[in-house]
Protein backbone atom coordinates (compact mmCIF):
# COMPACT_ATOMS: atom_id res chain seq x y z
CA MET A 1 -32.66 1.15 -91.01
CA GLY A 2 -30.42 -1.47 -89.42
CA ASP A 3 -30.29 -1.65 -85.65
CA HIS A 4 -31.63 1.92 -85.13
CA GLY A 5 -35.29 0.91 -85.36
CA SER A 6 -38.15 3.09 -84.25
CA SER A 7 -38.17 1.43 -80.81
CA GLY A 8 -35.08 3.40 -79.71
CA GLY A 9 -36.51 6.83 -80.47
CA PHE A 10 -34.91 9.83 -78.87
CA GLU A 11 -32.53 7.91 -76.64
CA ALA A 12 -31.06 6.04 -79.61
CA ALA A 13 -30.58 9.29 -81.55
CA PHE A 14 -29.07 10.92 -78.48
CA LYS A 15 -26.50 8.06 -78.14
CA LEU A 16 -25.79 8.27 -81.90
CA VAL A 17 -24.65 11.93 -81.63
CA GLY A 18 -22.49 11.24 -78.57
CA GLY A 19 -24.78 11.77 -75.61
CA SER A 20 -24.45 14.93 -73.58
CA GLY A 21 -20.76 15.57 -74.05
CA ARG A 22 -18.75 18.75 -74.08
CA PHE A 23 -19.31 19.38 -77.77
CA GLN A 24 -23.11 19.17 -77.47
CA TRP A 25 -23.10 21.69 -74.61
CA TYR A 26 -20.82 23.96 -76.64
CA CYS A 27 -23.31 23.89 -79.53
CA ILE A 28 -26.23 24.64 -77.16
CA VAL A 29 -24.39 27.66 -75.70
CA LEU A 30 -23.49 29.04 -79.14
CA CYS A 31 -27.08 28.68 -80.39
CA SER A 32 -28.41 30.30 -77.19
CA ILE A 33 -26.19 33.35 -77.62
CA GLN A 34 -27.46 33.79 -81.16
CA LEU A 35 -31.08 33.41 -80.03
CA LEU A 36 -30.55 35.95 -77.25
CA MET A 37 -29.39 38.55 -79.78
CA MET A 38 -32.28 37.77 -82.11
CA THR A 39 -34.68 38.29 -79.20
CA TRP A 40 -33.29 41.81 -78.70
CA ASN A 41 -34.20 42.56 -82.31
CA HIS A 42 -37.72 41.18 -81.99
CA MET A 43 -38.52 42.68 -78.64
CA GLY A 44 -36.71 46.02 -79.08
CA TYR A 45 -39.65 47.35 -80.98
CA ILE A 46 -41.67 47.48 -77.74
CA PHE A 47 -39.35 50.26 -76.56
CA ILE A 48 -38.35 52.07 -79.75
CA GLY A 49 -41.93 52.04 -81.04
CA ALA A 50 -43.60 53.23 -77.86
CA VAL A 51 -46.13 56.10 -78.23
CA PRO A 52 -45.41 58.71 -75.57
CA LYS A 53 -48.00 61.20 -74.39
CA HIS A 54 -48.16 64.03 -76.90
CA TRP A 55 -49.97 67.29 -77.66
CA CYS A 56 -49.86 69.99 -80.31
CA HIS A 57 -46.76 72.15 -80.34
CA VAL A 58 -47.76 75.81 -80.57
CA SER A 59 -44.61 77.60 -81.76
CA GLU A 60 -45.84 81.08 -80.75
CA LEU A 61 -45.95 79.95 -77.09
CA ALA A 62 -42.70 77.98 -77.09
CA ASN A 63 -40.59 80.91 -75.87
CA SER A 64 -43.12 82.28 -73.41
CA SER A 65 -42.33 82.27 -69.66
CA TRP A 66 -45.34 80.05 -69.02
CA SER A 67 -45.14 76.51 -67.67
CA GLU A 68 -45.91 73.55 -69.90
CA ASP A 69 -49.28 73.12 -68.15
CA GLN A 70 -50.18 76.75 -68.75
CA VAL A 71 -49.30 76.48 -72.46
CA LYS A 72 -51.46 73.34 -72.78
CA ASN A 73 -54.26 74.94 -70.78
CA ILE A 74 -54.56 77.95 -73.08
CA SER A 75 -53.82 76.26 -76.43
CA ILE A 76 -55.17 72.68 -76.30
CA PRO A 77 -58.84 71.66 -76.01
CA LYS A 78 -59.65 69.54 -72.93
CA ILE A 79 -61.49 66.24 -72.79
CA PRO A 80 -63.22 65.82 -69.42
CA GLN A 81 -62.55 62.44 -67.76
CA ASN A 82 -64.96 60.82 -65.36
CA GLY A 83 -63.53 59.45 -62.12
CA ALA A 84 -64.44 56.19 -60.42
CA ASN A 85 -67.59 57.64 -58.85
CA GLY A 86 -68.79 59.25 -62.08
CA ALA A 87 -67.72 62.75 -61.06
CA GLU A 88 -65.58 64.78 -63.40
CA SER A 89 -62.04 64.37 -62.11
CA ASP A 90 -58.92 64.64 -64.15
CA VAL A 91 -58.61 66.58 -67.38
CA LYS A 92 -57.05 65.04 -70.47
CA TYR A 93 -55.85 67.19 -73.35
CA GLU A 94 -56.57 66.57 -77.02
CA GLN A 95 -53.61 64.99 -78.76
CA CYS A 96 -54.36 65.91 -82.33
CA ARG A 97 -56.05 69.33 -82.22
CA PHE A 98 -55.31 72.79 -80.82
CA TYR A 99 -57.09 76.14 -80.60
CA ASN A 100 -56.44 77.96 -83.88
CA LEU A 101 -55.83 81.43 -82.43
CA ASP A 102 -53.29 84.14 -83.07
CA PHE A 103 -51.25 83.44 -79.93
CA ALA A 104 -48.54 85.94 -80.89
CA GLN A 105 -51.14 88.73 -80.78
CA ILE A 106 -52.66 87.37 -77.57
CA LEU A 107 -49.18 87.29 -75.93
CA SER A 108 -48.56 90.85 -77.08
CA GLN A 109 -51.92 92.19 -75.88
CA SER A 110 -51.66 90.45 -72.50
CA GLY A 111 -48.10 91.57 -71.84
CA GLY A 112 -47.15 87.92 -71.15
CA ASN A 113 -49.59 87.63 -68.22
CA PHE A 114 -51.17 84.17 -68.32
CA GLU A 115 -54.52 85.09 -66.74
CA ALA A 116 -55.01 88.05 -69.10
CA ALA A 117 -54.00 85.91 -72.10
CA TYR A 118 -56.40 83.13 -71.08
CA GLU A 119 -59.23 85.65 -70.79
CA LEU A 120 -58.45 87.05 -74.27
CA ALA A 121 -58.26 83.58 -75.81
CA HIS A 122 -61.33 82.08 -74.13
CA HIS A 123 -63.54 85.05 -73.26
CA ASP A 124 -66.64 83.28 -74.63
CA GLN A 125 -66.14 80.12 -72.55
CA GLN A 126 -69.33 78.44 -71.31
CA GLU A 127 -69.46 75.58 -68.79
CA GLY A 128 -65.70 75.13 -69.04
CA HIS A 129 -65.76 74.66 -72.83
CA SER A 130 -64.28 77.24 -75.16
CA SER A 131 -65.90 77.97 -78.52
CA ALA A 132 -62.54 79.03 -80.01
CA PRO A 133 -61.86 77.49 -83.44
CA VAL A 134 -59.75 74.33 -83.48
CA ALA A 135 -57.34 72.95 -86.09
CA GLU A 136 -55.38 69.76 -86.64
CA CYS A 137 -51.78 69.70 -85.34
CA GLN A 138 -48.87 69.98 -87.71
CA THR A 139 -46.16 69.44 -85.07
CA TRP A 140 -46.21 67.90 -81.60
CA SER A 141 -44.54 68.11 -78.24
CA TYR A 142 -43.84 64.86 -76.37
CA ASP A 143 -43.66 63.84 -72.74
CA LYS A 144 -40.04 62.83 -72.16
CA SER A 145 -40.44 61.56 -68.60
CA LEU A 146 -40.45 57.88 -69.68
CA TYR A 147 -38.75 57.86 -73.10
CA LEU A 148 -36.35 60.57 -74.33
CA SER A 149 -36.89 59.55 -77.94
CA THR A 150 -38.77 56.86 -79.88
CA ILE A 151 -39.37 56.40 -83.59
CA VAL A 152 -42.85 57.82 -82.95
CA SER A 153 -41.49 61.09 -81.52
CA GLU A 154 -38.64 61.31 -84.07
CA PHE A 155 -40.92 61.04 -87.09
CA ASP A 156 -44.18 62.40 -85.59
CA LEU A 157 -46.04 59.09 -86.10
CA VAL A 158 -49.16 60.20 -84.24
CA CYS A 159 -52.72 61.12 -85.07
CA ASP A 160 -53.29 60.77 -88.82
CA ARG A 161 -49.84 59.13 -89.26
CA ARG A 162 -50.27 56.59 -86.45
CA TYR A 163 -50.91 53.74 -88.93
CA MET A 164 -47.22 53.95 -89.89
CA VAL A 165 -46.22 52.55 -86.49
CA ALA A 166 -47.92 49.26 -87.30
CA THR A 167 -46.37 49.38 -90.76
CA ILE A 168 -42.87 49.45 -89.26
CA GLN A 169 -43.47 46.29 -87.20
CA ALA A 170 -45.19 44.53 -90.12
CA SER A 171 -42.26 45.42 -92.44
CA TYR A 172 -39.79 43.97 -89.96
CA MET A 173 -41.74 40.71 -89.65
CA ILE A 174 -42.19 40.41 -93.43
CA GLY A 175 -38.42 40.91 -93.80
CA ALA A 176 -37.76 38.18 -91.23
CA PHE A 177 -40.14 35.81 -93.01
CA LEU A 178 -38.71 36.48 -96.49
CA GLY A 179 -35.17 36.30 -95.13
CA THR A 180 -35.89 32.85 -93.73
CA LEU A 181 -37.36 31.68 -97.05
CA VAL A 182 -34.45 33.01 -99.12
CA PHE A 183 -31.38 32.63 -96.94
CA GLY A 184 -32.27 29.23 -95.42
CA PRO A 185 -32.14 27.36 -98.77
CA LEU A 186 -29.26 29.55 -99.99
CA ASN A 187 -27.24 28.55 -96.91
CA ASP A 188 -28.02 24.85 -97.55
CA ARG A 189 -26.81 25.19 -101.19
CA LEU A 190 -23.62 27.02 -100.29
CA ASP A 191 -22.94 24.60 -97.47
CA ALA A 192 -23.28 21.61 -99.77
CA ALA A 193 -20.89 23.07 -102.35
């Protein structure tokens, strides 16, 4: 090992490469830029994979003159939420089920009046709960107040397809791992040639 014994350690190695000169700082800056871009890839999933609030899209009611809240109120089952003091406070809507009713007929019979349509749809309501039949959603509407579009909203990766969101992140990480295993040694071979 000559005169670079183990007693010198880091300081000896640092002197061997030239200390903290201009070239070393240039290398650090170049590596930092590359790491910054790689961080965008790793962390970008937090935003593009976000799951926005969603509810069943009922196509028969899409062109009605009702507000979004009215459409949800008549077509989506509610889940009561308890407030801090145990009293029923806010109402949350089901995200994967809707009332399986003929909303086109209800709209026609009510003349587009929301109160009349609600009475037709939920005339047998007891204690705030409707006994109307429910079905699983086929399409969804998404809250766009926070995100205009995510992979979840683009490909409807909610409810029974929610597992696919985790699959996307896992696929990316497996690709990064395999890329490191394959392209690291390949780079060393090509560099040595």
